[in-house]
PDB file of N, CA and C in Angstrom:
ATOM      1  N   UNK A   1       0.892  -1.238  -0.258  1.00  0.00           N
ATOM      2  CA  UNK A   1      -0.189   0.019   0.079  1.00  0.00           C
ATOM      3  C   UNK A   1       0.990   1.204   0.246  1.00  0.00           C
ATOM      4  N   UNK A   2       0.950   2.043  -0.784  1.00  0.00           N
ATOM      5  CA  UNK A   2       1.633   3.412  -1.100  1.00  0.00           C
ATOM      6  C   UNK A   2       0.857   4.437  -0.148  1.00  0.00           C
ATOM      7  N   UNK A   3       1.442   5.069   0.666  1.00  0.00           N
ATOM      8  CA  UNK A   3       1.202   5.923   1.399  1.00  0.00           C
ATOM      9  C   UNK A   3       1.093   7.647   0.627  1.00  0.00           C
ATOM     10  N   UNK A   4       0.128   8.428   1.022  1.00  0.00           N
ATOM     11  CA  UNK A   4       0.306   9.479   0.032  1.00  0.00           C
ATOM     12  C   UNK A   4       0.896  10.437   1.535  1.00  0.00           C
ATOM     13  N   UNK A   5       1.662  11.427   1.364  1.00  0.00           N
ATOM     14  CA  UNK A   5       1.432  12.648   2.308  1.00  0.00           C
ATOM     15  C   UNK A   5       0.966  13.688   2.430  1.00  0.00           C
ATOM     16  N   UNK A   6      -0.234  13.990   3.195  1.00  0.00           N
ATOM     17  CA  UNK A   6      -1.276  15.112   3.449  1.00  0.00           C
ATOM     18  C   UNK A   6      -0.480  16.849   3.771  1.00  0.00           C
ATOM     19  N   UNK A   7      -0.064  17.004   3.186  1.00  0.00           N
ATOM     20  CA  UNK A   7       0.361  18.722   3.579  1.00  0.00           C
ATOM     21  C   UNK A   7      -0.798  19.939   3.373  1.00  0.00           C
ATOM     22  N   UNK A   8      -1.142  20.279   4.344  1.00  0.00           N
ATOM     23  CA  UNK A   8      -2.008  21.747   4.330  1.00  0.00           C
ATOM     24  C   UNK A   8      -1.135  22.569   4.114  1.00  0.00           C
ATOM     25  N   UNK A   9      -1.274  23.514   3.218  1.00  0.00           N
ATOM     26  CA  UNK A   9      -0.043  24.746   3.095  1.00  0.00           C
ATOM     27  C   UNK A   9       1.464  24.020   2.792  1.00  0.00           C
ATOM     28  N   UNK A  10       1.823  24.559   4.414  1.00  0.00           N
ATOM     29  CA  UNK A  10       2.778  23.580   3.753  1.00  0.00           C
ATOM     30  C   UNK A  10       2.561  23.065   5.396  1.00  0.00           C
ATOM     31  N   UNK A  11       2.710  23.178   6.630  1.00  0.00           N
ATOM     32  CA  UNK A  11       2.786  22.690   7.307  1.00  0.00           C
ATOM     33  C   UNK A  11       1.031  23.524   8.479  1.00  0.00           C
ATOM     34  N   UNK A  12       0.566  22.642   8.977  1.00  0.00           N
ATOM     35  CA  UNK A  12      -0.485  23.422  10.134  1.00  0.00           C
ATOM     36  C   UNK A  12       0.158  23.652  11.232  1.00  0.00           C
ATOM     37  N   UNK A  13       0.177  25.406  11.688  1.00  0.00           N
ATOM     38  CA  UNK A  13       1.127  25.573  13.048  1.00  0.00           C
ATOM     39  C   UNK A  13       0.342  25.586  13.733  1.00  0.00           C
ATOM     40  N   UNK A  14       0.247  25.421  14.902  1.00  0.00           N
ATOM     41  CA  UNK A  14      -0.469  25.861  16.317  1.00  0.00           C
ATOM     42  C   UNK A  14       0.789  26.834  17.160  1.00  0.00           C
ATOM     43  N   UNK A  15       0.304  28.138  17.011  1.00  0.00           N
ATOM     44  CA  UNK A  15       0.990  28.665  17.883  1.00  0.00           C
ATOM     45  C   UNK A  15       0.669  29.218  19.420  1.00  0.00           C
ATOM     46  N   UNK A  16       0.237  28.409  19.965  1.00  0.00           N
ATOM     47  CA  UNK A  16      -0.445  28.500  21.157  1.00  0.00           C
ATOM     48  C   UNK A  16       0.095  28.109  22.302  1.00  0.00           C
ATOM     49  N   UNK A  17       1.554  27.531  22.466  1.00  0.00           N
ATOM     50  CA  UNK A  17       2.566  27.110  23.021  1.00  0.00           C
ATOM     51  C   UNK A  17       3.079  28.361  23.353  1.00  0.00           C
ATOM     52  N   UNK A  18       3.608  29.653  22.333  1.00  0.00           N
ATOM     53  CA  UNK A  18       4.019  30.480  22.747  1.00  0.00           C
ATOM     54  C   UNK A  18       3.403  31.931  23.937  1.00  0.00           C
ATOM     55  N   UNK A  19       4.527  32.310  24.492  1.00  0.00           N
ATOM     56  CA  UNK A  19       3.698  33.476  25.581  1.00  0.00           C
ATOM     57  C   UNK A  19       3.682  34.577  25.257  1.00  0.00           C
ATOM     58  N   UNK A  20       4.404  34.837  24.188  1.00  0.00           N
ATOM     59  CA  UNK A  20       4.040  36.480  23.526  1.00  0.00           C
ATOM     60  C   UNK A  20       3.270  36.727  22.950  1.00  0.00           C
ATOM     61  N   UNK A  21       2.695  37.871  22.106  1.00  0.00           N
ATOM     62  CA  UNK A  21       1.688  38.129  20.845  1.00  0.00           C
ATOM     63  C   UNK A  21       1.240  37.002  19.776  1.00  0.00           C
ATOM     64  N   UNK A  22       0.554  36.909  19.600  1.00  0.00           N
ATOM     65  CA  UNK A  22       0.353  35.718  18.311  1.00  0.00           C
ATOM     66  C   UNK A  22       0.944  36.184  17.545  1.00  0.00           C
ATOM     67  N   UNK A  23       0.524  37.711  17.083  1.00  0.00           N
ATOM     68  CA  UNK A  23       1.108  38.283  15.888  1.00  0.00           C
ATOM     69  C   UNK A  23       2.390  38.170  15.548  1.00  0.00           C
ATOM     70  N   UNK A  24       3.091  38.556  16.784  1.00  0.00           N
ATOM     71  CA  UNK A  24       4.516  38.501  16.865  1.00  0.00           C
ATOM     72  C   UNK A  24       5.140  37.235  16.440  1.00  0.00           C
ATOM     73  N   UNK A  25       4.629  36.278  17.252  1.00  0.00           N
ATOM     74  CA  UNK A  25       5.132  34.923  16.401  1.00  0.00           C
ATOM     75  C   UNK A  25       4.242  34.325  15.384  1.00  0.00           C
ATOM     76  N   UNK A  26       3.446  34.388  14.688  1.00  0.00           N
ATOM     77  CA  UNK A  26       2.779  34.135  13.398  1.00  0.00           C
ATOM     78  C   UNK A  26       3.870  35.004  12.357  1.00  0.00           C
ATOM     79  N   UNK A  27       4.257  35.866  12.450  1.00  0.00           N
ATOM     80  CA  UNK A  27       4.749  36.175  11.399  1.00  0.00           C
ATOM     81  C   UNK A  27       6.446  35.916  11.434  1.00  0.00           C
ATOM     82  N   UNK A  28       6.904  35.521  12.732  1.00  0.00           N
ATOM     83  CA  UNK A  28       7.955  34.641  12.563  1.00  0.00           C
ATOM     84  C   UNK A  28       7.702  33.156  12.068  1.00  0.00           C
ATOM     85  N   UNK A  29       6.797  32.855  12.269  1.00  0.00           N
ATOM     86  CA  UNK A  29       6.150  31.402  11.468  1.00  0.00           C
ATOM     87  C   UNK A  29       6.342  31.219  10.048  1.00  0.00           C
ATOM     88  N   UNK A  30       6.047  32.489   9.678  1.00  0.00           N
ATOM     89  CA  UNK A  30       5.870  32.643   7.919  1.00  0.00           C
ATOM     90  C   UNK A  30       7.402  32.680   7.523  1.00  0.00           C
ATOM     91  N   UNK A  31       8.045  33.677   8.442  1.00  0.00           N
ATOM     92  CA  UNK A  31       9.663  33.756   7.483  1.00  0.00           C
ATOM     93  C   UNK A  31      10.255  32.033   7.824  1.00  0.00           C
ATOM     94  N   UNK A  32       9.557  31.223   8.353  1.00  0.00           N
ATOM     95  CA  UNK A  32      10.227  29.838   8.538  1.00  0.00           C
ATOM     96  C   UNK A  32       9.881  28.736   7.250  1.00  0.00           C
ATOM     97  N   UNK A  33       9.137  29.590   6.595  1.00  0.00           N
ATOM     98  CA  UNK A  33       8.542  28.505   5.324  1.00  0.00           C
ATOM     99  C   UNK A  33       9.755  27.626   4.887  1.00  0.00           C
ATOM    100  N   UNK A  34      10.679  28.105   4.260  1.00  0.00           N
ATOM    101  CA  UNK A  34      11.817  27.479   3.806  1.00  0.00           C
ATOM    102  C   UNK A  34      12.267  26.009   4.937  1.00  0.00           C
ATOM    103  N   UNK A  35      12.106  26.344   5.967  1.00  0.00           N
ATOM    104  CA  UNK A  35      12.503  25.211   7.010  1.00  0.00           C
ATOM    105  C   UNK A  35      11.274  24.146   7.077  1.00  0.00           C
ATOM    106  N   UNK A  36      10.020  24.912   7.095  1.00  0.00           N
ATOM    107  CA  UNK A  36       9.182  23.996   6.814  1.00  0.00           C
ATOM    108  C   UNK A  36       8.938  23.208   5.497  1.00  0.00           C
ATOM    109  N   UNK A  37       9.508  23.517   4.611  1.00  0.00           N
ATOM    110  CA  UNK A  37       9.373  22.975   3.377  1.00  0.00           C
ATOM    111  C   UNK A  37      10.790  21.898   2.999  1.00  0.00           C
ATOM    112  N   UNK A  38      11.775  22.135   4.080  1.00  0.00           N
ATOM    113  CA  UNK A  38      12.613  21.570   4.092  1.00  0.00           C
ATOM    114  C   UNK A  38      12.297  20.494   4.942  1.00  0.00           C
ATOM    115  N   UNK A  39      11.632  20.288   5.847  1.00  0.00           N
ATOM    116  CA  UNK A  39      11.159  19.636   6.881  1.00  0.00           C
ATOM    117  C   UNK A  39      10.127  18.587   6.226  1.00  0.00           C
ATOM    118  N   UNK A  40       9.077  18.920   5.087  1.00  0.00           N
ATOM    119  CA  UNK A  40       8.128  18.184   4.487  1.00  0.00           C
ATOM    120  C   UNK A  40       8.932  17.127   3.865  1.00  0.00           C
ATOM    121  N   UNK A  41      10.131  17.654   2.903  1.00  0.00           N
ATOM    122  CA  UNK A  41      10.990  17.269   1.725  1.00  0.00           C
ATOM    123  C   UNK A  41      11.650  15.988   2.874  1.00  0.00           C
ATOM    124  N   UNK A  42      12.104  16.364   4.183  1.00  0.00           N
ATOM    125  CA  UNK A  42      12.646  14.862   4.745  1.00  0.00           C
ATOM    126  C   UNK A  42      11.746  13.944   5.153  1.00  0.00           C
ATOM    127  N   UNK A  43      10.486  14.310   5.589  1.00  0.00           N
ATOM    128  CA  UNK A  43       9.258  13.657   6.012  1.00  0.00           C
ATOM    129  C   UNK A  43       8.795  12.473   4.542  1.00  0.00           C
ATOM    130  N   UNK A  44       8.959  13.137   3.768  1.00  0.00           N
ATOM    131  CA  UNK A  44       8.721  12.416   2.302  1.00  0.00           C
ATOM    132  C   UNK A  44       9.445  11.426   2.177  1.00  0.00           C
ATOM    133  N   UNK A  45      10.974  11.786   2.165  1.00  0.00           N
ATOM    134  CA  UNK A  45      12.197  10.656   2.134  1.00  0.00           C
ATOM    135  C   UNK A  45      12.124   9.479   3.189  1.00  0.00           C
ATOM    136  N   UNK A  46      11.371  10.095   4.145  1.00  0.00           N
ATOM    137  CA  UNK A  46      11.645   8.970   5.133  1.00  0.00           C
ATOM    138  C   UNK A  46      10.150   8.186   5.124  1.00  0.00           C
ATOM    139  N   UNK A  47       8.932   8.466   4.217  1.00  0.00           N
ATOM    140  CA  UNK A  47       8.006   7.550   4.386  1.00  0.00           C
ATOM    141  C   UNK A  47       7.713   6.346   3.100  1.00  0.00           C
ATOM    142  N   UNK A  48       8.046   5.544   3.705  1.00  0.00           N
ATOM    143  CA  UNK A  48       8.356   4.165   2.884  1.00  0.00           C
ATOM    144  C   UNK A  48       6.926   3.952   1.546  1.00  0.00           C
ATOM    145  N   UNK A  49       7.470   3.991   0.430  1.00  0.00           N
ATOM    146  CA  UNK A  49       6.761   3.938  -0.473  1.00  0.00           C
ATOM    147  C   UNK A  49       5.336   2.768  -0.523  1.00  0.00           C
ATOM    148  N   UNK A  50       5.672   1.940  -0.011  1.00  0.00           N
ATOM    149  CA  UNK A  50       4.674   0.833   0.395  1.00  0.00           C
ATOM    150  C   UNK A  50       4.949   0.168   1.844  1.00  0.00           C
ATOM    151  N   UNK A  51       3.607  -0.236   2.398  1.00  0.00           N
ATOM    152  CA  UNK A  51       3.892  -0.760   3.641  1.00  0.00           C
ATOM    153  C   UNK A  51       2.745  -2.052   3.707  1.00  0.00           C
ATOM    154  N   UNK A  52       2.960  -2.678   4.494  1.00  0.00           N
ATOM    155  CA  UNK A  52       1.980  -3.866   4.660  1.00  0.00           C
ATOM    156  C   UNK A  52       0.586  -3.930   5.529  1.00  0.00           C
ATOM    157  N   UNK A  53       0.765  -2.771   6.140  1.00  0.00           N
ATOM    158  CA  UNK A  53      -0.630  -2.030   7.401  1.00  0.00           C
ATOM    159  C   UNK A  53      -1.498  -1.988   6.494  1.00  0.00           C
ATOM    160  N   UNK A  54      -1.936  -2.169   5.187  1.00  0.00           N
ATOM    161  CA  UNK A  54      -3.396  -1.913   4.753  1.00  0.00           C
ATOM    162  C   UNK A  54      -3.989  -0.539   4.846  1.00  0.00           C
ATOM    163  N   UNK A  55      -4.905  -0.286   4.443  1.00  0.00           N
ATOM    164  CA  UNK A  55      -5.327   1.193   4.579  1.00  0.00           C
ATOM    165  C   UNK A  55      -5.386   1.811   5.693  1.00  0.00           C
ATOM    166  N   UNK A  56      -5.476   3.275   6.033  1.00  0.00           N
ATOM    167  CA  UNK A  56      -5.249   3.887   7.305  1.00  0.00           C
ATOM    168  C   UNK A  56      -4.589   4.945   7.002  1.00  0.00           C
ATOM    169  N   UNK A  57      -4.931   5.511   8.710  1.00  0.00           N
ATOM    170  CA  UNK A  57      -4.117   7.052   8.563  1.00  0.00           C
ATOM    171  C   UNK A  57      -3.446   7.203   9.649  1.00  0.00           C
ATOM    172  N   UNK A  58      -2.424   8.068   9.973  1.00  0.00           N
ATOM    173  CA  UNK A  58      -1.738   8.476  11.015  1.00  0.00           C
ATOM    174  C   UNK A  58      -1.743  10.047  11.195  1.00  0.00           C
ATOM    175  N   UNK A  59      -1.481  10.663  12.117  1.00  0.00           N
ATOM    176  CA  UNK A  59      -1.455  12.016  12.871  1.00  0.00           C
ATOM    177  C   UNK A  59      -0.499  12.133  13.912  1.00  0.00           C
ATOM    178  N   UNK A  60       0.350  13.215  13.759  1.00  0.00           N
ATOM    179  CA  UNK A  60       0.945  13.170  14.481  1.00  0.00           C
ATOM    180  C   UNK A  60       1.158  14.891  14.929  1.00  0.00           C
ATOM    181  N   UNK A  61       1.700  15.180  16.133  1.00  0.00           N
ATOM    182  CA  UNK A  61       1.944  16.748  16.590  1.00  0.00           C
ATOM    183  C   UNK A  61       3.206  16.862  17.174  1.00  0.00           C
ATOM    184  N   UNK A  62       4.110  17.617  16.571  1.00  0.00           N
ATOM    185  CA  UNK A  62       5.580  17.844  16.554  1.00  0.00           C
ATOM    186  C   UNK A  62       6.182  18.795  17.034  1.00  0.00           C
ATOM    187  N   UNK A  63       6.991  19.043  17.659  1.00  0.00           N
ATOM    188  CA  UNK A  63       7.937  20.286  17.922  1.00  0.00           C
ATOM    189  C   UNK A  63       8.917  20.481  17.123  1.00  0.00           C
ATOM    190  N   UNK A  64       8.868  21.361  16.513  1.00  0.00           N
ATOM    191  CA  UNK A  64      10.556  21.807  16.291  1.00  0.00           C
ATOM    192  C   UNK A  64      11.221  22.981  16.770  1.00  0.00           C
ATOM    193  N   UNK A  65      12.333  22.266  17.409  1.00  0.00           N
ATOM    194  CA  UNK A  65      12.950  22.937  17.982  1.00  0.00           C
ATOM    195  C   UNK A  65      14.391  23.515  17.144  1.00  0.00           C
ATOM    196  N   UNK A  66      14.252  24.926  17.843  1.00  0.00           N
ATOM    197  CA  UNK A  66      15.197  25.444  17.303  1.00  0.00           C
ATOM    198  C   UNK A  66      16.785  24.286  17.059  1.00  0.00           C
ATOM    199  N   UNK A  67      17.529  24.542  15.774  1.00  0.00           N
ATOM    200  CA  UNK A  67      18.738  23.527  15.605  1.00  0.00           C
ATOM    201  C   UNK A  67      18.038  23.066  14.511  1.00  0.00           C
ATOM    202  N   UNK A  68      17.102  22.579  14.160  1.00  0.00           N
ATOM    203  CA  UNK A  68      16.041  21.488  13.451  1.00  0.00           C
ATOM    204  C   UNK A  68      15.772  20.231  13.884  1.00  0.00           C
ATOM    205  N   UNK A  69      15.961  20.108  15.278  1.00  0.00           N
ATOM    206  CA  UNK A  69      15.432  18.897  15.867  1.00  0.00           C
ATOM    207  C   UNK A  69      14.244  18.756  15.676  1.00  0.00           C
ATOM    208  N   UNK A  70      13.458  17.449  15.313  1.00  0.00           N
ATOM    209  CA  UNK A  70      12.097  17.459  15.682  1.00  0.00           C
ATOM    210  C   UNK A  70      11.400  16.455  17.163  1.00  0.00           C
ATOM    211  N   UNK A  71      10.682  17.093  17.876  1.00  0.00           N
ATOM    212  CA  UNK A  71      10.028  15.591  18.561  1.00  0.00           C
ATOM    213  C   UNK A  71       8.762  15.690  18.424  1.00  0.00           C
ATOM    214  N   UNK A  72       8.235  14.498  18.970  1.00  0.00           N
ATOM    215  CA  UNK A  72       7.119  13.963  18.689  1.00  0.00           C
ATOM    216  C   UNK A  72       6.189  14.395  20.049  1.00  0.00           C
ATOM    217  N   UNK A  73       5.119  15.092  20.250  1.00  0.00           N
ATOM    218  CA  UNK A  73       4.552  15.517  21.505  1.00  0.00           C
ATOM    219  C   UNK A  73       3.178  14.584  21.241  1.00  0.00           C
ATOM    220  N   UNK A  74       2.794  13.413  20.188  1.00  0.00           N
ATOM    221  CA  UNK A  74       1.551  12.857  20.335  1.00  0.00           C
ATOM    222  C   UNK A  74       1.210  12.189  18.582  1.00  0.00           C
ATOM    223  N   UNK A  75       1.007  10.919  18.839  1.00  0.00           N
ATOM    224  CA  UNK A  75       1.080  10.387  17.588  1.00  0.00           C
ATOM    225  C   UNK A  75      -0.406   9.158  17.430  1.00  0.00           C
ATOM    226  N   UNK A  76      -1.335   9.447  16.484  1.00  0.00           N
ATOM    227  CA  UNK A  76      -2.567   8.211  16.692  1.00  0.00           C
ATOM    228  C   UNK A  76      -2.495   7.986  15.630  1.00  0.00           C
ATOM    229  N   UNK A  77      -3.255   6.912  14.998  1.00  0.00           N
ATOM    230  CA  UNK A  77      -3.331   6.315  13.804  1.00  0.00           C
ATOM    231  C   UNK A  77      -4.878   5.138  13.574  1.00  0.00           C
ATOM    232  N   UNK A  78      -5.004   4.809  12.811  1.00  0.00           N
ATOM    233  CA  UNK A  78      -6.111   4.084  12.566  1.00  0.00           C
ATOM    234  C   UNK A  78      -6.015   2.767  13.441  1.00  0.00           C
ATOM    235  N   UNK A  79      -4.566   2.555  13.232  1.00  0.00           N
ATOM    236  CA  UNK A  79      -4.004   0.776  14.151  1.00  0.00           C
ATOM    237  C   UNK A  79      -2.959   1.647  15.006  1.00  0.00           C
ATOM    238  N   UNK A  80      -2.617   0.681  16.017  1.00  0.00           N
ATOM    239  CA  UNK A  80      -0.975   1.032  16.621  1.00  0.00           C
ATOM    240  C   UNK A  80      -0.197   0.929  15.773  1.00  0.00           C
ATOM    241  N   UNK A  81       0.057   0.124  14.913  1.00  0.00           N
ATOM    242  CA  UNK A  81       1.064   0.078  13.806  1.00  0.00           C
ATOM    243  C   UNK A  81       1.193   1.344  13.011  1.00  0.00           C
ATOM    244  N   UNK A  82       0.045   1.851  12.267  1.00  0.00           N
ATOM    245  CA  UNK A  82       0.005   2.909  11.678  1.00  0.00           C
ATOM    246  C   UNK A  82       0.482   3.945  12.311  1.00  0.00           C
ATOM    247  N   UNK A  83       0.507   4.211  13.489  1.00  0.00           N
ATOM    248  CA  UNK A  83       0.846   5.346  14.841  1.00  0.00           C
ATOM    249  C   UNK A  83       2.294   5.291  15.061  1.00  0.00           C
ATOM    250  N   UNK A  84       2.632   3.858  15.230  1.00  0.00           N
ATOM    251  CA  UNK A  84       4.248   3.760  15.075  1.00  0.00           C
ATOM    252  C   UNK A  84       4.927   3.736  13.814  1.00  0.00           C
ATOM    253  N   UNK A  85       4.239   3.381  12.880  1.00  0.00           N
ATOM    254  CA  UNK A  85       5.360   4.024  11.367  1.00  0.00           C
ATOM    255  C   UNK A  85       5.416   5.597  11.438  1.00  0.00           C
ATOM    256  N   UNK A  86       4.213   6.006  12.010  1.00  0.00           N
ATOM    257  CA  UNK A  86       4.306   7.590  11.657  1.00  0.00           C
ATOM    258  C   UNK A  86       5.445   7.800  12.837  1.00  0.00           C
ATOM    259  N   UNK A  87       5.104   7.510  14.189  1.00  0.00           N
ATOM    260  CA  UNK A  87       6.405   7.807  14.971  1.00  0.00           C
ATOM    261  C   UNK A  87       7.987   7.618  14.785  1.00  0.00           C
ATOM    262  N   UNK A  88       8.334   6.415  13.582  1.00  0.00           N
ATOM    263  CA  UNK A  88       9.283   6.237  13.052  1.00  0.00           C
ATOM    264  C   UNK A  88       9.606   7.250  12.236  1.00  0.00           C
ATOM    265  N   UNK A  89       8.722   7.606  11.198  1.00  0.00           N
ATOM    266  CA  UNK A  89       9.024   8.624  10.262  1.00  0.00           C
ATOM    267  C   UNK A  89       9.435   9.735  10.791  1.00  0.00           C
ATOM    268  N   UNK A  90       8.758  10.300  11.626  1.00  0.00           N
ATOM    269  CA  UNK A  90       9.069  11.610  12.016  1.00  0.00           C
ATOM    270  C   UNK A  90      10.270  11.815  12.768  1.00  0.00           C
ATOM    271  N   UNK A  91      10.365  10.393  13.390  1.00  0.00           N
ATOM    272  CA  UNK A  91      11.686  10.281  14.058  1.00  0.00           C
ATOM    273  C   UNK A  91      12.955  10.302  13.550  1.00  0.00           C
ATOM    274  N   UNK A  92      13.116   9.942  12.199  1.00  0.00           N
ATOM    275  CA  UNK A  92      13.838   9.955  11.204  1.00  0.00           C
ATOM    276  C   UNK A  92      14.254  10.843  10.460  1.00  0.00           C
ATOM    277  N   UNK A  93      13.041  11.925  10.489  1.00  0.00           N
ATOM    278  CA  UNK A  93      13.215  13.375   9.772  1.00  0.00           C
ATOM    279  C   UNK A  93      13.680  14.208  10.686  1.00  0.00           C
ATOM    280  N   UNK A  94      14.223  15.111   9.658  1.00  0.00           N
ATOM    281  CA  UNK A  94      15.157  16.744   9.890  1.00  0.00           C
ATOM    282  C   UNK A  94      15.151  18.268   9.544  1.00  0.00           C
ATOM    283  N   UNK A  95      15.069  19.276  10.017  1.00  0.00           N
ATOM    284  CA  UNK A  95      14.858  20.349   9.542  1.00  0.00           C
ATOM    285  C   UNK A  95      16.280  21.031   9.733  1.00  0.00           C
ATOM    286  N   UNK A  96      16.539  21.915   8.699  1.00  0.00           N
ATOM    287  CA  UNK A  96      17.710  22.743   8.883  1.00  0.00           C
ATOM    288  C   UNK A  96      17.826  23.236  10.097  1.00  0.00           C
ATOM    289  N   UNK A  97      19.527  23.577  10.494  1.00  0.00           N
ATOM    290  CA  UNK A  97      20.064  23.859  11.510  1.00  0.00           C
ATOM    291  C   UNK A  97      19.419  25.304  12.071  1.00  0.00           C
ATOM    292  N   UNK A  98      19.562  25.479  10.931  1.00  0.00           N
ATOM    293  CA  UNK A  98      18.661  27.415  11.024  1.00  0.00           C
ATOM    294  C   UNK A  98      17.460  27.555  11.036  1.00  0.00           C
ATOM    295  N   UNK A  99      16.486  26.033  11.579  1.00  0.00           N
ATOM    296  CA  UNK A  99      15.327  26.875  11.720  1.00  0.00           C
ATOM    297  C   UNK A  99      14.822  26.844  13.667  1.00  0.00           C
ATOM    298  N   UNK A 100      13.796  27.705  13.433  1.00  0.00           N
ATOM    299  CA  UNK A 100      13.473  28.261  14.963  1.00  0.00           C
ATOM    300  C   UNK A 100      12.555  27.117  15.617  1.00  0.00           C
ATOM    301  N   UNK A 101      11.720  27.441  16.299  1.00  0.00           N
ATOM    302  CA  UNK A 101      10.796  26.603  17.273  1.00  0.00           C
ATOM    303  C   UNK A 101       9.383  26.930  16.594  1.00  0.00           C
ATOM    304  N   UNK A 102       8.567  25.814  16.384  1.00  0.00           N
ATOM    305  CA  UNK A 102       7.241  25.908  15.941  1.00  0.00           C
ATOM    306  C   UNK A 102       6.548  24.382  16.437  1.00  0.00           C
ATOM    307  N   UNK A 103       5.565  24.328  16.419  1.00  0.00           N
ATOM    308  CA  UNK A 103       4.267  23.256  16.485  1.00  0.00           C
ATOM    309  C   UNK A 103       3.688  22.974  15.346  1.00  0.00           C
ATOM    310  N   UNK A 104       3.703  21.776  14.807  1.00  0.00           N
ATOM    311  CA  UNK A 104       3.053  21.278  13.950  1.00  0.00           C
ATOM    312  C   UNK A 104       2.373  20.022  14.156  1.00  0.00           C
ATOM    313  N   UNK A 105       1.136  20.015  12.819  1.00  0.00           N
ATOM    314  CA  UNK A 105       0.435  19.157  12.732  1.00  0.00           C
ATOM    315  C   UNK A 105       0.667  18.269  11.831  1.00  0.00           C
ATOM    316  N   UNK A 106       0.967  16.907  11.502  1.00  0.00           N
ATOM    317  CA  UNK A 106       0.918  16.291  10.099  1.00  0.00           C
ATOM    318  C   UNK A 106       0.472  15.256  10.060  1.00  0.00           C
ATOM    319  N   UNK A 107      -0.178  14.967   9.133  1.00  0.00           N
ATOM    320  CA  UNK A 107      -1.222  13.751   8.849  1.00  0.00           C
ATOM    321  C   UNK A 107      -0.517  13.015   7.566  1.00  0.00           C
ATOM    322  N   UNK A 108      -0.745  11.467   7.829  1.00  0.00           N
ATOM    323  CA  UNK A 108      -0.322  10.613   6.432  1.00  0.00           C
ATOM    324  C   UNK A 108      -1.431   9.578   6.317  1.00  0.00           C
ATOM    325  N   UNK A 109      -2.117   9.700   5.210  1.00  0.00           N
ATOM    326  CA  UNK A 109      -3.280   8.558   4.506  1.00  0.00           C
ATOM    327  C   UNK A 109      -2.263   7.292   4.047  1.00  0.00           C
ATOM    328  N   UNK A 110      -2.741   6.127   4.515  1.00  0.00           N
ATOM    329  CA  UNK A 110      -1.996   5.118   3.507  1.00  0.00           C
ATOM    330  C   UNK A 110      -3.182   3.920   2.505  1.00  0.00           C
ATOM    331  N   UNK A 111      -2.677   4.103   1.444  1.00  0.00           N
ATOM    332  CA  UNK A 111      -3.719   3.645   0.521  1.00  0.00           C
ATOM    333  C   UNK A 111      -3.505   1.961   0.266  1.00  0.00           C
TER     334      UNK A 111
END
């Protein structure tokens, strides 16, 4: 089953974790568009072309940390195996070291 990567815009950002005004951080997040694009490409590269899991989906909430590190805050899926695959894909992915902090939600659909 070949998975498809669903990316809305580049990523859906949740800016609620910041203490300062949302306007200030929203602008900062938009300046990170190249970082988000590079992270999306890394996720694509680490997503297998096919799996034996069958149709399903997985979602993850990520934290992009300064320096390009990505950590998983939560992951779920239509089965525990789909969620585990999502965790593996995300933990294998990297963003450029020039990236700042952001909270991201990413979804994958497996066909």
